[in-house]
């Protein structure tokens, strides 16, 4: 089946489970023509059996190591929000090194807000 496709692209690879990763490896055992996109710092689906190890181990999984392209510039958030995000990401025991940045300035700092339920969160 893998020979039918020159290229395979998987988005949100940090949210894949072991079975999905093994299917991908079976499709492209040498990694040629295989591209995965994802962010180890956004792996939030462990409750659905997602394995962050899939993305962390991907670069060295094949005989020829995968190239890593890190996208650090953020166009949506301000530098103060990204400073907070970088501080949280920096606490991860194992991660890809990244330093998120933005040209958007703000004097406002992020707030930690506690709410009782989803309705209050939506408000």
C-alpha atoms as a PDB file:
ATOM      1  CA  UNK A   1       0.000   0.000   0.000  1.00  0.00           C
ATOM      2  CA  UNK A   2       2.842   2.394   0.835  1.00  0.00           C
ATOM      3  CA  UNK A   3       4.245   2.127  -2.684  1.00  0.00           C
ATOM      4  CA  UNK A   4       1.052   3.712  -4.038  1.00  0.00           C
ATOM      5  CA  UNK A   5       2.043   7.024  -2.436  1.00  0.00           C
ATOM      6  CA  UNK A   6       5.209   9.005  -3.104  1.00  0.00           C
ATOM      7  CA  UNK A   7       4.538  11.292  -0.152  1.00  0.00           C
ATOM      8  CA  UNK A   8       2.611  10.982   3.081  1.00  0.00           C
ATOM      9  CA  UNK A   9       1.877  14.005   5.290  1.00  0.00           C
ATOM     10  CA  UNK A  10       0.487  13.710   8.808  1.00  0.00           C
ATOM     11  CA  UNK A  11      -0.657  16.828  10.648  1.00  0.00           C
ATOM     12  CA  UNK A  12      -1.012  17.051  14.447  1.00  0.00           C
ATOM     13  CA  UNK A  13       1.407  14.138  14.847  1.00  0.00           C
ATOM     14  CA  UNK A  14       1.730  14.836  18.574  1.00  0.00           C
ATOM     15  CA  UNK A  15      -1.840  13.528  18.923  1.00  0.00           C
ATOM     16  CA  UNK A  16      -1.296  10.140  17.289  1.00  0.00           C
ATOM     17  CA  UNK A  17      -1.422   6.865  19.182  1.00  0.00           C
ATOM     18  CA  UNK A  18       0.940   3.885  18.904  1.00  0.00           C
ATOM     19  CA  UNK A  19      -1.238   2.069  16.367  1.00  0.00           C
ATOM     20  CA  UNK A  20      -1.392   5.115  14.094  1.00  0.00           C
ATOM     21  CA  UNK A  21       2.393   5.547  14.324  1.00  0.00           C
ATOM     22  CA  UNK A  22       2.956   1.881  13.471  1.00  0.00           C
ATOM     23  CA  UNK A  23       0.664   2.175  10.433  1.00  0.00           C
ATOM     24  CA  UNK A  24       2.700   5.152   9.250  1.00  0.00           C
ATOM     25  CA  UNK A  25       5.960   3.245   9.741  1.00  0.00           C
ATOM     26  CA  UNK A  26       4.523   0.306   7.807  1.00  0.00           C
ATOM     27  CA  UNK A  27       3.550   2.625   4.938  1.00  0.00           C
ATOM     28  CA  UNK A  28       7.020   4.213   4.718  1.00  0.00           C
ATOM     29  CA  UNK A  29       9.493   1.932   6.564  1.00  0.00           C
ATOM     30  CA  UNK A  30      12.562   3.930   5.505  1.00  0.00           C
ATOM     31  CA  UNK A  31      10.896   7.314   6.104  1.00  0.00           C
ATOM     32  CA  UNK A  32      11.418   8.484   2.507  1.00  0.00           C
ATOM     33  CA  UNK A  33       8.612  10.805   1.420  1.00  0.00           C
ATOM     34  CA  UNK A  34       7.241  11.028   4.943  1.00  0.00           C
ATOM     35  CA  UNK A  35       6.497  14.353   6.622  1.00  0.00           C
ATOM     36  CA  UNK A  36       4.916  14.841  10.017  1.00  0.00           C
ATOM     37  CA  UNK A  37       3.845  18.158  11.470  1.00  0.00           C
ATOM     38  CA  UNK A  38       3.104  18.809  15.108  1.00  0.00           C
ATOM     39  CA  UNK A  39       4.087  20.444  18.348  1.00  0.00           C
ATOM     40  CA  UNK A  40       5.212  18.351  21.296  1.00  0.00           C
ATOM     41  CA  UNK A  41       4.153  21.195  23.608  1.00  0.00           C
ATOM     42  CA  UNK A  42       0.558  20.833  22.399  1.00  0.00           C
ATOM     43  CA  UNK A  43       0.129  17.138  23.101  1.00  0.00           C
ATOM     44  CA  UNK A  44      -3.163  17.116  25.004  1.00  0.00           C
ATOM     45  CA  UNK A  45      -4.897  13.922  23.901  1.00  0.00           C
ATOM     46  CA  UNK A  46      -3.294  11.315  26.174  1.00  0.00           C
ATOM     47  CA  UNK A  47      -6.824  10.512  27.388  1.00  0.00           C
ATOM     48  CA  UNK A  48      -7.427   9.252  23.816  1.00  0.00           C
ATOM     49  CA  UNK A  49      -4.208   7.167  23.935  1.00  0.00           C
ATOM     50  CA  UNK A  50      -2.114   9.761  22.097  1.00  0.00           C
ATOM     51  CA  UNK A  51       1.616   9.246  22.701  1.00  0.00           C
ATOM     52  CA  UNK A  52       3.845  12.326  22.722  1.00  0.00           C
ATOM     53  CA  UNK A  53       6.735   9.846  22.287  1.00  0.00           C
ATOM     54  CA  UNK A  54       5.647   9.450  18.663  1.00  0.00           C
ATOM     55  CA  UNK A  55       6.722  12.981  17.780  1.00  0.00           C
ATOM     56  CA  UNK A  56       9.685  13.065  20.171  1.00  0.00           C
ATOM     57  CA  UNK A  57      11.141   9.847  18.719  1.00  0.00           C
ATOM     58  CA  UNK A  58      10.281  10.548  15.087  1.00  0.00           C
ATOM     59  CA  UNK A  59      13.509  12.347  14.044  1.00  0.00           C
ATOM     60  CA  UNK A  60      15.690   9.339  14.945  1.00  0.00           C
ATOM     61  CA  UNK A  61      13.269   6.563  14.032  1.00  0.00           C
ATOM     62  CA  UNK A  62      14.740   5.934  10.584  1.00  0.00           C
ATOM     63  CA  UNK A  63      18.254   5.170   9.320  1.00  0.00           C
ATOM     64  CA  UNK A  64      18.434   8.655   7.852  1.00  0.00           C
ATOM     65  CA  UNK A  65      17.517  11.144  10.577  1.00  0.00           C
ATOM     66  CA  UNK A  66      14.589  13.422   9.837  1.00  0.00           C
ATOM     67  CA  UNK A  67      15.157  17.135   9.497  1.00  0.00           C
ATOM     68  CA  UNK A  68      13.452  19.246  12.137  1.00  0.00           C
ATOM     69  CA  UNK A  69      12.033  22.603  11.125  1.00  0.00           C
ATOM     70  CA  UNK A  70      11.021  24.694  14.122  1.00  0.00           C
ATOM     71  CA  UNK A  71       8.450  27.422  13.663  1.00  0.00           C
ATOM     72  CA  UNK A  72       8.923  29.862  16.522  1.00  0.00           C
ATOM     73  CA  UNK A  73       7.382  33.087  15.274  1.00  0.00           C
ATOM     74  CA  UNK A  74       3.806  33.546  16.434  1.00  0.00           C
ATOM     75  CA  UNK A  75       1.512  35.971  14.628  1.00  0.00           C
ATOM     76  CA  UNK A  76      -1.509  35.763  16.969  1.00  0.00           C
ATOM     77  CA  UNK A  77      -0.206  36.240  20.492  1.00  0.00           C
ATOM     78  CA  UNK A  78       1.674  39.041  22.174  1.00  0.00           C
ATOM     79  CA  UNK A  79       5.190  38.783  23.569  1.00  0.00           C
ATOM     80  CA  UNK A  80       3.839  38.728  27.157  1.00  0.00           C
ATOM     81  CA  UNK A  81       1.623  35.723  26.448  1.00  0.00           C
ATOM     82  CA  UNK A  82       4.479  33.937  24.684  1.00  0.00           C
ATOM     83  CA  UNK A  83       6.846  34.630  27.584  1.00  0.00           C
ATOM     84  CA  UNK A  84       4.379  32.818  29.858  1.00  0.00           C
ATOM     85  CA  UNK A  85       4.020  29.977  27.345  1.00  0.00           C
ATOM     86  CA  UNK A  86       7.814  29.645  27.025  1.00  0.00           C
ATOM     87  CA  UNK A  87       8.111  29.443  30.822  1.00  0.00           C
ATOM     88  CA  UNK A  88       5.569  26.608  30.973  1.00  0.00           C
ATOM     89  CA  UNK A  89       7.062  24.768  27.977  1.00  0.00           C
ATOM     90  CA  UNK A  90      10.521  25.108  29.535  1.00  0.00           C
ATOM     91  CA  UNK A  91       9.415  23.000  32.490  1.00  0.00           C
ATOM     92  CA  UNK A  92       8.905  19.898  30.331  1.00  0.00           C
ATOM     93  CA  UNK A  93      11.388  17.163  31.202  1.00  0.00           C
ATOM     94  CA  UNK A  94      11.751  16.159  27.569  1.00  0.00           C
ATOM     95  CA  UNK A  95      10.933  18.398  24.633  1.00  0.00           C
ATOM     96  CA  UNK A  96      12.109  19.951  21.420  1.00  0.00           C
ATOM     97  CA  UNK A  97      13.831  23.237  22.169  1.00  0.00           C
ATOM     98  CA  UNK A  98      11.913  26.251  20.960  1.00  0.00           C
ATOM     99  CA  UNK A  99      11.549  29.895  21.889  1.00  0.00           C
ATOM    100  CA  UNK A 100       8.238  31.326  20.753  1.00  0.00           C
ATOM    101  CA  UNK A 101       8.325  35.019  19.863  1.00  0.00           C
ATOM    102  CA  UNK A 102       6.186  37.737  18.374  1.00  0.00           C
ATOM    103  CA  UNK A 103       6.553  41.268  17.154  1.00  0.00           C
ATOM    104  CA  UNK A 104       3.188  42.077  18.734  1.00  0.00           C
ATOM    105  CA  UNK A 105       3.722  44.142  21.865  1.00  0.00           C
ATOM    106  CA  UNK A 106       1.436  44.556  24.836  1.00  0.00           C
ATOM    107  CA  UNK A 107       1.788  46.013  28.293  1.00  0.00           C
ATOM    108  CA  UNK A 108      -0.975  43.705  29.577  1.00  0.00           C
ATOM    109  CA  UNK A 109       0.097  40.515  31.305  1.00  0.00           C
ATOM    110  CA  UNK A 110      -1.825  37.248  31.065  1.00  0.00           C
ATOM    111  CA  UNK A 111      -4.122  36.453  33.973  1.00  0.00           C
ATOM    112  CA  UNK A 112      -4.725  33.100  35.617  1.00  0.00           C
ATOM    113  CA  UNK A 113      -8.479  32.806  36.007  1.00  0.00           C
ATOM    114  CA  UNK A 114     -10.305  30.036  37.825  1.00  0.00           C
ATOM    115  CA  UNK A 115     -13.900  29.239  36.863  1.00  0.00           C
ATOM    116  CA  UNK A 116     -16.455  26.764  38.201  1.00  0.00           C
ATOM    117  CA  UNK A 117     -17.722  25.230  34.982  1.00  0.00           C
ATOM    118  CA  UNK A 118     -17.914  25.436  31.177  1.00  0.00           C
ATOM    119  CA  UNK A 119     -20.678  28.043  31.203  1.00  0.00           C
ATOM    120  CA  UNK A 120     -18.613  30.368  33.379  1.00  0.00           C
ATOM    121  CA  UNK A 121     -15.602  29.705  31.147  1.00  0.00           C
ATOM    122  CA  UNK A 122     -17.625  30.708  28.083  1.00  0.00           C
ATOM    123  CA  UNK A 123     -18.682  33.927  29.793  1.00  0.00           C
END
